[in-house]
Amino acid sequence: ESKHLMNIIKMIAYRSETALANLIAPHYAKSDNEIRTLVKSLINTRADIHPDYREGKLVVTLYSMAFQRENLAINQICQTLNDAEVIFPGSNLTLIYKTTTI
């Protein structure tokens, strides 16, 4: 059973990674391998999370990536995610993504 559970977790992680790669692709003119590398870097990057109960927001601030072209792609992803106006599960807070650059 534990191997089956691990396979399910790996499959969910891969699908999440693929979804992020698909969001990045229009804004990052590199090969699929480089896009996947950027996604993995994004997943592992540091971030600050600040709830603002008065404004009804949960602000996720991502730290800068190594290269400006990566930061530009990440900013585009943040804009796409912000446009979706997603509510954080179990709360009434709207997720807001931003970066420390630009």
PDB file of N, CA and C in Angstrom:
ATOM      1  N   GLU A   1       0.816  -1.204   0.000  1.00  0.00           N
ATOM      2  CA  GLU A   1       0.000   0.000   0.000  1.00  0.00           C
ATOM      3  C   GLU A   1       0.857   1.265   0.000  1.00  0.00           C
ATOM      4  N   SER A   2       1.980   1.260   0.721  1.00  0.00           N
ATOM      5  CA  SER A   2       2.796   2.466   0.790  1.00  0.00           C
ATOM      6  C   SER A   2       3.421   2.785  -0.575  1.00  0.00           C
ATOM      7  N   LYS A   3       3.786   1.756  -1.350  1.00  0.00           N
ATOM      8  CA  LYS A   3       4.338   2.003  -2.678  1.00  0.00           C
ATOM      9  C   LYS A   3       3.269   2.607  -3.578  1.00  0.00           C
ATOM     10  N   HIS A   4       2.045   2.135  -3.468  1.00  0.00           N
ATOM     11  CA  HIS A   4       0.940   2.684  -4.259  1.00  0.00           C
ATOM     12  C   HIS A   4       0.706   4.151  -3.904  1.00  0.00           C
ATOM     13  N   LEU A   5       0.740   4.469  -2.619  1.00  0.00           N
ATOM     14  CA  LEU A   5       0.565   5.850  -2.170  1.00  0.00           C
ATOM     15  C   LEU A   5       1.702   6.735  -2.690  1.00  0.00           C
ATOM     16  N   MET A   6       2.924   6.248  -2.631  1.00  0.00           N
ATOM     17  CA  MET A   6       4.068   7.011  -3.140  1.00  0.00           C
ATOM     18  C   MET A   6       3.932   7.270  -4.646  1.00  0.00           C
ATOM     19  N   ASN A   7       3.462   6.282  -5.385  1.00  0.00           N
ATOM     20  CA  ASN A   7       3.267   6.461  -6.825  1.00  0.00           C
ATOM     21  C   ASN A   7       2.194   7.512  -7.109  1.00  0.00           C
ATOM     22  N   ILE A   8       1.141   7.536  -6.310  1.00  0.00           N
ATOM     23  CA  ILE A   8       0.086   8.541  -6.464  1.00  0.00           C
ATOM     24  C   ILE A   8       0.646   9.932  -6.185  1.00  0.00           C
ATOM     25  N   ILE A   9       1.431  10.080  -5.139  1.00  0.00           N
ATOM     26  CA  ILE A   9       2.038  11.377  -4.799  1.00  0.00           C
ATOM     27  C   ILE A   9       2.970  11.836  -5.916  1.00  0.00           C
ATOM     28  N   LYS A  10       3.783  10.934  -6.448  1.00  0.00           N
ATOM     29  CA  LYS A  10       4.686  11.277  -7.547  1.00  0.00           C
ATOM     30  C   LYS A  10       3.906  11.720  -8.780  1.00  0.00           C
ATOM     31  N   MET A  11       2.789  11.038  -9.059  1.00  0.00           N
ATOM     32  CA  MET A  11       1.982  11.388 -10.215  1.00  0.00           C
ATOM     33  C   MET A  11       1.345  12.774 -10.044  1.00  0.00           C
ATOM     34  N   ILE A  12       0.869  13.073  -8.861  1.00  0.00           N
ATOM     35  CA  ILE A  12       0.289  14.394  -8.586  1.00  0.00           C
ATOM     36  C   ILE A  12       1.362  15.474  -8.713  1.00  0.00           C
ATOM     37  N   ALA A  13       2.548  15.217  -8.179  1.00  0.00           N
ATOM     38  CA  ALA A  13       3.646  16.184  -8.268  1.00  0.00           C
ATOM     39  C   ALA A  13       4.037  16.422  -9.726  1.00  0.00           C
ATOM     40  N   TYR A  14       4.107  15.359 -10.520  1.00  0.00           N
ATOM     41  CA  TYR A  14       4.477  15.503 -11.929  1.00  0.00           C
ATOM     42  C   TYR A  14       3.420  16.307 -12.679  1.00  0.00           C
ATOM     43  N   ARG A  15       2.158  16.050 -12.399  1.00  0.00           N
ATOM     44  CA  ARG A  15       1.089  16.798 -13.074  1.00  0.00           C
ATOM     45  C   ARG A  15       1.105  18.275 -12.683  1.00  0.00           C
ATOM     46  N   SER A  16       1.411  18.551 -11.432  1.00  0.00           N
ATOM     47  CA  SER A  16       1.522  19.941 -10.985  1.00  0.00           C
ATOM     48  C   SER A  16       2.685  20.627 -11.687  1.00  0.00           C
ATOM     49  N   GLU A  17       3.801  19.928 -11.778  1.00  0.00           N
ATOM     50  CA  GLU A  17       4.974  20.456 -12.465  1.00  0.00           C
ATOM     51  C   GLU A  17       4.652  20.726 -13.939  1.00  0.00           C
ATOM     52  N   THR A  18       3.932  19.816 -14.570  1.00  0.00           N
ATOM     53  CA  THR A  18       3.540  19.988 -15.966  1.00  0.00           C
ATOM     54  C   THR A  18       2.618  21.182 -16.139  1.00  0.00           C
ATOM     55  N   ALA A  19       1.679  21.371 -15.228  1.00  0.00           N
ATOM     56  CA  ALA A  19       0.765  22.516 -15.306  1.00  0.00           C
ATOM     57  C   ALA A  19       1.542  23.831 -15.215  1.00  0.00           C
ATOM     58  N   LEU A  20       2.514  23.903 -14.296  1.00  0.00           N
ATOM     59  CA  LEU A  20       3.348  25.104 -14.194  1.00  0.00           C
ATOM     60  C   LEU A  20       4.189  25.298 -15.450  1.00  0.00           C
ATOM     61  N   ALA A  21       4.725  24.230 -15.992  1.00  0.00           N
ATOM     62  CA  ALA A  21       5.523  24.318 -17.221  1.00  0.00           C
ATOM     63  C   ALA A  21       4.669  24.851 -18.365  1.00  0.00           C
ATOM     64  N   ASN A  22       3.422  24.424 -18.433  1.00  0.00           N
ATOM     65  CA  ASN A  22       2.522  24.912 -19.477  1.00  0.00           C
ATOM     66  C   ASN A  22       2.216  26.395 -19.305  1.00  0.00           C
ATOM     67  N   LEU A  23       2.166  26.880 -18.064  1.00  0.00           N
ATOM     68  CA  LEU A  23       1.968  28.307 -17.825  1.00  0.00           C
ATOM     69  C   LEU A  23       3.201  29.118 -18.233  1.00  0.00           C
ATOM     70  N   ILE A  24       4.370  28.539 -18.023  1.00  0.00           N
ATOM     71  CA  ILE A  24       5.619  29.243 -18.327  1.00  0.00           C
ATOM     72  C   ILE A  24       5.900  29.274 -19.830  1.00  0.00           C
ATOM     73  N   ALA A  25       5.572  28.217 -20.547  1.00  0.00           N
ATOM     74  CA  ALA A  25       5.965  28.050 -21.948  1.00  0.00           C
ATOM     75  C   ALA A  25       5.723  29.277 -22.831  1.00  0.00           C
ATOM     76  N   PRO A  26       4.561  29.951 -22.767  1.00  0.00           N
ATOM     77  CA  PRO A  26       4.369  31.109 -23.648  1.00  0.00           C
ATOM     78  C   PRO A  26       5.279  32.296 -23.319  1.00  0.00           C
ATOM     79  N   HIS A  27       5.838  32.314 -22.112  1.00  0.00           N
ATOM     80  CA  HIS A  27       6.630  33.464 -21.660  1.00  0.00           C
ATOM     81  C   HIS A  27       8.123  33.163 -21.570  1.00  0.00           C
ATOM     82  N   TYR A  28       8.522  31.961 -21.967  1.00  0.00           N
ATOM     83  CA  TYR A  28       9.911  31.539 -21.787  1.00  0.00           C
ATOM     84  C   TYR A  28      10.336  30.752 -23.012  1.00  0.00           C
ATOM     85  N   ALA A  29      11.029  31.402 -23.908  1.00  0.00           N
ATOM     86  CA  ALA A  29      11.395  30.795 -25.192  1.00  0.00           C
ATOM     87  C   ALA A  29      12.624  29.903 -25.054  1.00  0.00           C
ATOM     88  N   LYS A  30      12.471  28.830 -24.343  1.00  0.00           N
ATOM     89  CA  LYS A  30      13.558  27.869 -24.164  1.00  0.00           C
ATOM     90  C   LYS A  30      13.015  26.463 -24.411  1.00  0.00           C
ATOM     91  N   SER A  31      13.901  25.476 -24.381  1.00  0.00           N
ATOM     92  CA  SER A  31      13.482  24.095 -24.609  1.00  0.00           C
ATOM     93  C   SER A  31      12.659  23.583 -23.428  1.00  0.00           C
ATOM     94  N   ASP A  32      11.966  22.478 -23.669  1.00  0.00           N
ATOM     95  CA  ASP A  32      11.145  21.880 -22.613  1.00  0.00           C
ATOM     96  C   ASP A  32      11.966  21.524 -21.382  1.00  0.00           C
ATOM     97  N   ASN A  33      13.200  21.047 -21.596  1.00  0.00           N
ATOM     98  CA  ASN A  33      14.054  20.693 -20.459  1.00  0.00           C
ATOM     99  C   ASN A  33      14.391  21.917 -19.616  1.00  0.00           C
ATOM    100  N   GLU A  34      14.652  23.041 -20.276  1.00  0.00           N
ATOM    101  CA  GLU A  34      14.974  24.262 -19.533  1.00  0.00           C
ATOM    102  C   GLU A  34      13.748  24.800 -18.800  1.00  0.00           C
ATOM    103  N   ILE A  35      12.584  24.639 -19.393  1.00  0.00           N
ATOM    104  CA  ILE A  35      11.354  25.066 -18.720  1.00  0.00           C
ATOM    105  C   ILE A  35      11.130  24.208 -17.481  1.00  0.00           C
ATOM    106  N   ARG A  36      11.327  22.911 -17.611  1.00  0.00           N
ATOM    107  CA  ARG A  36      11.183  22.012 -16.441  1.00  0.00           C
ATOM    108  C   ARG A  36      12.190  22.375 -15.352  1.00  0.00           C
ATOM    109  N   THR A  37      13.401  22.724 -15.749  1.00  0.00           N
ATOM    110  CA  THR A  37      14.419  23.131 -14.777  1.00  0.00           C
ATOM    111  C   THR A  37      13.977  24.402 -14.051  1.00  0.00           C
ATOM    112  N   LEU A  38      13.410  25.349 -14.793  1.00  0.00           N
ATOM    113  CA  LEU A  38      12.906  26.573 -14.172  1.00  0.00           C
ATOM    114  C   LEU A  38      11.771  26.264 -13.205  1.00  0.00           C
ATOM    115  N   VAL A  39      10.882  25.371 -13.584  1.00  0.00           N
ATOM    116  CA  VAL A  39       9.772  24.992 -12.697  1.00  0.00           C
ATOM    117  C   VAL A  39      10.311  24.383 -11.406  1.00  0.00           C
ATOM    118  N   LYS A  40      11.279  23.506 -11.523  1.00  0.00           N
ATOM    119  CA  LYS A  40      11.864  22.890 -10.325  1.00  0.00           C
ATOM    120  C   LYS A  40      12.540  23.944  -9.446  1.00  0.00           C
ATOM    121  N   SER A  41      13.196  24.913 -10.075  1.00  0.00           N
ATOM    122  CA  SER A  41      13.810  26.007  -9.303  1.00  0.00           C
ATOM    123  C   SER A  41      12.741  26.838  -8.617  1.00  0.00           C
ATOM    124  N   LEU A  42      11.647  27.105  -9.324  1.00  0.00           N
ATOM    125  CA  LEU A  42      10.551  27.877  -8.758  1.00  0.00           C
ATOM    126  C   LEU A  42       9.932  27.164  -7.567  1.00  0.00           C
ATOM    127  N   ILE A  43       9.735  25.864  -7.702  1.00  0.00           N
ATOM    128  CA  ILE A  43       9.157  25.084  -6.605  1.00  0.00           C
ATOM    129  C   ILE A  43      10.057  25.112  -5.371  1.00  0.00           C
ATOM    130  N   ASN A  44      11.369  25.138  -5.592  1.00  0.00           N
ATOM    131  CA  ASN A  44      12.316  25.111  -4.479  1.00  0.00           C
ATOM    132  C   ASN A  44      12.745  26.491  -3.987  1.00  0.00           C
ATOM    133  N   THR A  45      12.265  27.565  -4.632  1.00  0.00           N
ATOM    134  CA  THR A  45      12.685  28.894  -4.223  1.00  0.00           C
ATOM    135  C   THR A  45      12.023  29.299  -2.905  1.00  0.00           C
ATOM    136  N   ARG A  46      12.676  30.202  -2.229  1.00  0.00           N
ATOM    137  CA  ARG A  46      12.129  30.708  -0.972  1.00  0.00           C
ATOM    138  C   ARG A  46      10.967  31.644  -1.261  1.00  0.00           C
ATOM    139  N   ALA A  47      10.044  31.696  -0.324  1.00  0.00           N
ATOM    140  CA  ALA A  47       8.895  32.593  -0.463  1.00  0.00           C
ATOM    141  C   ALA A  47       8.441  33.025   0.924  1.00  0.00           C
ATOM    142  N   ASP A  48       7.861  34.210   0.983  1.00  0.00           N
ATOM    143  CA  ASP A  48       7.235  34.698   2.206  1.00  0.00           C
ATOM    144  C   ASP A  48       5.732  34.636   2.018  1.00  0.00           C
ATOM    145  N   ILE A  49       5.023  34.260   3.064  1.00  0.00           N
ATOM    146  CA  ILE A  49       3.566  34.205   3.022  1.00  0.00           C
ATOM    147  C   ILE A  49       3.028  35.113   4.118  1.00  0.00           C
ATOM    148  N   HIS A  50       2.241  36.109   3.709  1.00  0.00           N
ATOM    149  CA  HIS A  50       1.697  37.084   4.649  1.00  0.00           C
ATOM    150  C   HIS A  50       0.187  37.177   4.498  1.00  0.00           C
ATOM    151  N   PRO A  51      -0.550  36.746   5.517  1.00  0.00           N
ATOM    152  CA  PRO A  51      -2.004  36.929   5.450  1.00  0.00           C
ATOM    153  C   PRO A  51      -2.373  38.372   5.799  1.00  0.00           C
ATOM    154  N   ASP A  52      -3.315  38.922   5.063  1.00  0.00           N
ATOM    155  CA  ASP A  52      -3.852  40.253   5.336  1.00  0.00           C
ATOM    156  C   ASP A  52      -5.360  40.080   5.494  1.00  0.00           C
ATOM    157  N   TYR A  53      -5.779  39.855   6.734  1.00  0.00           N
ATOM    158  CA  TYR A  53      -7.182  39.557   7.005  1.00  0.00           C
ATOM    159  C   TYR A  53      -8.079  40.752   6.734  1.00  0.00           C
ATOM    160  N   ARG A  54      -7.564  41.938   6.940  1.00  0.00           N
ATOM    161  CA  ARG A  54      -8.359  43.139   6.708  1.00  0.00           C
ATOM    162  C   ARG A  54      -8.714  43.294   5.232  1.00  0.00           C
ATOM    163  N   GLU A  55      -7.732  43.015   4.355  1.00  0.00           N
ATOM    164  CA  GLU A  55      -7.940  43.138   2.915  1.00  0.00           C
ATOM    165  C   GLU A  55      -8.454  41.847   2.283  1.00  0.00           C
ATOM    166  N   GLY A  56      -8.441  40.749   3.061  1.00  0.00           N
ATOM    167  CA  GLY A  56      -8.905  39.464   2.537  1.00  0.00           C
ATOM    168  C   GLY A  56      -7.935  38.846   1.542  1.00  0.00           C
ATOM    169  N   LYS A  57      -6.626  39.014   1.798  1.00  0.00           N
ATOM    170  CA  LYS A  57      -5.609  38.516   0.875  1.00  0.00           C
ATOM    171  C   LYS A  57      -4.589  37.650   1.606  1.00  0.00           C
ATOM    172  N   LEU A  58      -4.059  36.699   0.885  1.00  0.00           N
ATOM    173  CA  LEU A  58      -2.915  35.920   1.337  1.00  0.00           C
ATOM    174  C   LEU A  58      -1.819  36.157   0.309  1.00  0.00           C
ATOM    175  N   VAL A  59      -0.838  36.965   0.667  1.00  0.00           N
ATOM    176  CA  VAL A  59       0.200  37.394  -0.272  1.00  0.00           C
ATOM    177  C   VAL A  59       1.391  36.442  -0.199  1.00  0.00           C
ATOM    178  N   VAL A  60       1.728  35.864  -1.339  1.00  0.00           N
ATOM    179  CA  VAL A  60       2.882  34.975  -1.469  1.00  0.00           C
ATOM    180  C   VAL A  60       3.930  35.737  -2.273  1.00  0.00           C
ATOM    181  N   THR A  61       5.057  36.048  -1.641  1.00  0.00           N
ATOM    182  CA  THR A  61       6.132  36.788  -2.298  1.00  0.00           C
ATOM    183  C   THR A  61       7.279  35.830  -2.588  1.00  0.00           C
ATOM    184  N   LEU A  62       7.568  35.661  -3.880  1.00  0.00           N
ATOM    185  CA  LEU A  62       8.651  34.777  -4.313  1.00  0.00           C
ATOM    186  C   LEU A  62       9.941  35.563  -4.429  1.00  0.00           C
ATOM    187  N   TYR A  63      11.028  34.961  -4.002  1.00  0.00           N
ATOM    188  CA  TYR A  63      12.329  35.609  -4.111  1.00  0.00           C
ATOM    189  C   TYR A  63      12.860  35.524  -5.533  1.00  0.00           C
ATOM    190  N   SER A  64      13.794  36.390  -5.847  1.00  0.00           N
ATOM    191  CA  SER A  64      14.350  36.514  -7.184  1.00  0.00           C
ATOM    192  C   SER A  64      15.054  35.234  -7.627  1.00  0.00           C
ATOM    193  N   MET A  65      14.948  34.982  -8.942  1.00  0.00           N
ATOM    194  CA  MET A  65      15.643  33.861  -9.551  1.00  0.00           C
ATOM    195  C   MET A  65      17.020  34.347 -10.007  1.00  0.00           C
ATOM    196  N   ALA A  66      17.825  33.461 -10.559  1.00  0.00           N
ATOM    197  CA  ALA A  66      19.197  33.779 -10.925  1.00  0.00           C
ATOM    198  C   ALA A  66      19.304  34.718 -12.130  1.00  0.00           C
ATOM    199  N   PHE A  67      18.381  34.601 -13.085  1.00  0.00           N
ATOM    200  CA  PHE A  67      18.486  35.373 -14.321  1.00  0.00           C
ATOM    201  C   PHE A  67      17.239  36.214 -14.544  1.00  0.00           C
ATOM    202  N   GLN A  68      17.430  37.358 -15.186  1.00  0.00           N
ATOM    203  CA  GLN A  68      16.326  38.280 -15.430  1.00  0.00           C
ATOM    204  C   GLN A  68      15.231  37.645 -16.289  1.00  0.00           C
ATOM    205  N   ARG A  69      15.604  36.841 -17.297  1.00  0.00           N
ATOM    206  CA  ARG A  69      14.584  36.217 -18.155  1.00  0.00           C
ATOM    207  C   ARG A  69      13.711  35.260 -17.352  1.00  0.00           C
ATOM    208  N   GLU A  70      14.289  34.619 -16.330  1.00  0.00           N
ATOM    209  CA  GLU A  70      13.507  33.752 -15.455  1.00  0.00           C
ATOM    210  C   GLU A  70      12.536  34.588 -14.626  1.00  0.00           C
ATOM    211  N   ASN A  71      13.021  35.709 -14.100  1.00  0.00           N
ATOM    212  CA  ASN A  71      12.166  36.592 -13.307  1.00  0.00           C
ATOM    213  C   ASN A  71      11.005  37.137 -14.130  1.00  0.00           C
ATOM    214  N   LEU A  72      11.255  37.472 -15.391  1.00  0.00           N
ATOM    215  CA  LEU A  72      10.182  37.964 -16.256  1.00  0.00           C
ATOM    216  C   LEU A  72       9.116  36.894 -16.470  1.00  0.00           C
ATOM    217  N   ALA A  73       9.554  35.655 -16.695  1.00  0.00           N
ATOM    218  CA  ALA A  73       8.603  34.549 -16.876  1.00  0.00           C
ATOM    219  C   ALA A  73       7.802  34.314 -15.598  1.00  0.00           C
ATOM    220  N   ILE A  74       8.462  34.356 -14.455  1.00  0.00           N
ATOM    221  CA  ILE A  74       7.784  34.149 -13.173  1.00  0.00           C
ATOM    222  C   ILE A  74       6.766  35.263 -12.930  1.00  0.00           C
ATOM    223  N   ASN A  75       7.110  36.496 -13.274  1.00  0.00           N
ATOM    224  CA  ASN A  75       6.162  37.601 -13.114  1.00  0.00           C
ATOM    225  C   ASN A  75       4.913  37.388 -13.962  1.00  0.00           C
ATOM    226  N   GLN A  76       5.084  36.852 -15.159  1.00  0.00           N
ATOM    227  CA  GLN A  76       3.935  36.565 -16.015  1.00  0.00           C
ATOM    228  C   GLN A  76       3.055  35.477 -15.407  1.00  0.00           C
ATOM    229  N   ILE A  77       3.685  34.462 -14.820  1.00  0.00           N
ATOM    230  CA  ILE A  77       2.914  33.406 -14.153  1.00  0.00           C
ATOM    231  C   ILE A  77       2.140  33.985 -12.978  1.00  0.00           C
ATOM    232  N   CYS A  78       2.798  34.832 -12.202  1.00  0.00           N
ATOM    233  CA  CYS A  78       2.132  35.460 -11.059  1.00  0.00           C
ATOM    234  C   CYS A  78       0.907  36.240 -11.520  1.00  0.00           C
ATOM    235  N   GLN A  79       1.044  36.966 -12.614  1.00  0.00           N
ATOM    236  CA  GLN A  79      -0.085  37.741 -13.141  1.00  0.00           C
ATOM    237  C   GLN A  79      -1.235  36.824 -13.551  1.00  0.00           C
ATOM    238  N   THR A  80      -0.897  35.722 -14.214  1.00  0.00           N
ATOM    239  CA  THR A  80      -1.923  34.758 -14.634  1.00  0.00           C
ATOM    240  C   THR A  80      -2.637  34.174 -13.425  1.00  0.00           C
ATOM    241  N   LEU A  81      -1.881  33.791 -12.408  1.00  0.00           N
ATOM    242  CA  LEU A  81      -2.480  33.228 -11.201  1.00  0.00           C
ATOM    243  C   LEU A  81      -3.313  34.267 -10.454  1.00  0.00           C
ATOM    244  N   ASN A  82      -2.847  35.507 -10.403  1.00  0.00           N
ATOM    245  CA  ASN A  82      -3.601  36.567  -9.730  1.00  0.00           C
ATOM    246  C   ASN A  82      -4.912  36.857 -10.461  1.00  0.00           C
ATOM    247  N   ASP A  83      -4.887  36.788 -11.778  1.00  0.00           N
ATOM    248  CA  ASP A  83      -6.098  37.029 -12.565  1.00  0.00           C
ATOM    249  C   ASP A  83      -7.177  35.983 -12.268  1.00  0.00           C
ATOM    250  N   ALA A  84      -6.762  34.785 -11.861  1.00  0.00           N
ATOM    251  CA  ALA A  84      -7.711  33.717 -11.549  1.00  0.00           C
ATOM    252  C   ALA A  84      -8.452  33.963 -10.231  1.00  0.00           C
ATOM    253  N   GLU A  85      -7.925  34.838  -9.377  1.00  0.00           N
ATOM    254  CA  GLU A  85      -8.535  35.186  -8.085  1.00  0.00           C
ATOM    255  C   GLU A  85      -8.923  33.943  -7.275  1.00  0.00           C
ATOM    256  N   VAL A  86      -7.934  33.103  -7.032  1.00  0.00           N
ATOM    257  CA  VAL A  86      -8.133  31.850  -6.306  1.00  0.00           C
ATOM    258  C   VAL A  86      -8.241  32.131  -4.810  1.00  0.00           C
ATOM    259  N   ILE A  87      -9.210  31.496  -4.169  1.00  0.00           N
ATOM    260  CA  ILE A  87      -9.376  31.587  -2.717  1.00  0.00           C
ATOM    261  C   ILE A  87      -8.600  30.443  -2.081  1.00  0.00           C
ATOM    262  N   PHE A  88      -7.779  30.782  -1.073  1.00  0.00           N
ATOM    263  CA  PHE A  88      -7.015  29.753  -0.376  1.00  0.00           C
ATOM    264  C   PHE A  88      -7.991  28.803   0.322  1.00  0.00           C
ATOM    265  N   PRO A  89      -7.832  27.489   0.116  1.00  0.00           N
ATOM    266  CA  PRO A  89      -8.773  26.523   0.698  1.00  0.00           C
ATOM    267  C   PRO A  89      -8.902  26.663   2.223  1.00  0.00           C
ATOM    268  N   GLY A  90     -10.120  26.607   2.695  1.00  0.00           N
ATOM    269  CA  GLY A  90     -10.384  26.676   4.125  1.00  0.00           C
ATOM    270  C   GLY A  90     -10.369  28.084   4.682  1.00  0.00           C
ATOM    271  N   SER A  91     -10.338  29.093   3.803  1.00  0.00           N
ATOM    272  CA  SER A  91     -10.318  30.480   4.260  1.00  0.00           C
ATOM    273  C   SER A  91     -11.142  31.328   3.290  1.00  0.00           C
ATOM    274  N   ASN A  92     -11.179  32.601   3.561  1.00  0.00           N
ATOM    275  CA  ASN A  92     -11.812  33.534   2.622  1.00  0.00           C
ATOM    276  C   ASN A  92     -10.761  34.475   2.028  1.00  0.00           C
ATOM    277  N   LEU A  93      -9.491  34.054   2.057  1.00  0.00           N
ATOM    278  CA  LEU A  93      -8.384  34.877   1.582  1.00  0.00           C
ATOM    279  C   LEU A  93      -8.063  34.587   0.121  1.00  0.00           C
ATOM    280  N   THR A  94      -7.979  35.642  -0.684  1.00  0.00           N
ATOM    281  CA  THR A  94      -7.601  35.531  -2.076  1.00  0.00           C
ATOM    282  C   THR A  94      -6.071  35.453  -2.173  1.00  0.00           C
ATOM    283  N   LEU A  95      -5.596  34.455  -2.912  1.00  0.00           N
ATOM    284  CA  LEU A  95      -4.155  34.301  -3.098  1.00  0.00           C
ATOM    285  C   LEU A  95      -3.641  35.369  -4.048  1.00  0.00           C
ATOM    286  N   ILE A  96      -2.607  36.075  -3.626  1.00  0.00           N
ATOM    287  CA  ILE A  96      -1.939  37.096  -4.433  1.00  0.00           C
ATOM    288  C   ILE A  96      -0.467  36.703  -4.517  1.00  0.00           C
ATOM    289  N   TYR A  97       0.018  36.551  -5.739  1.00  0.00           N
ATOM    290  CA  TYR A  97       1.417  36.188  -5.955  1.00  0.00           C
ATOM    291  C   TYR A  97       2.182  37.400  -6.455  1.00  0.00           C
ATOM    292  N   LYS A  98       3.384  37.574  -5.923  1.00  0.00           N
ATOM    293  CA  LYS A  98       4.263  38.628  -6.416  1.00  0.00           C
ATOM    294  C   LYS A  98       5.699  38.183  -6.213  1.00  0.00           C
ATOM    295  N   THR A  99       6.617  38.947  -6.811  1.00  0.00           N
ATOM    296  CA  THR A  99       8.030  38.623  -6.690  1.00  0.00           C
ATOM    297  C   THR A  99       8.757  39.810  -6.081  1.00  0.00           C
ATOM    298  N   THR A 100       9.971  39.572  -5.652  1.00  0.00           N
ATOM    299  CA  THR A 100      10.773  40.653  -5.081  1.00  0.00           C
ATOM    300  C   THR A 100      11.434  41.464  -6.172  1.00  0.00           C
ATOM    301  N   THR A 101      11.280  41.062  -7.436  1.00  0.00           N
ATOM    302  CA  THR A 101      11.863  41.792  -8.561  1.00  0.00           C
ATOM    303  C   THR A 101      10.786  42.544  -9.314  1.00  0.00           C
ATOM    304  N   ILE A 102      11.221  43.492 -10.107  1.00  0.00           N
ATOM    305  CA  ILE A 102      10.400  44.296 -11.015  1.00  0.00           C
ATOM    306  C   ILE A 102       9.287  45.024 -10.317  1.00  0.00           C
TER     307      ILE A 102
END
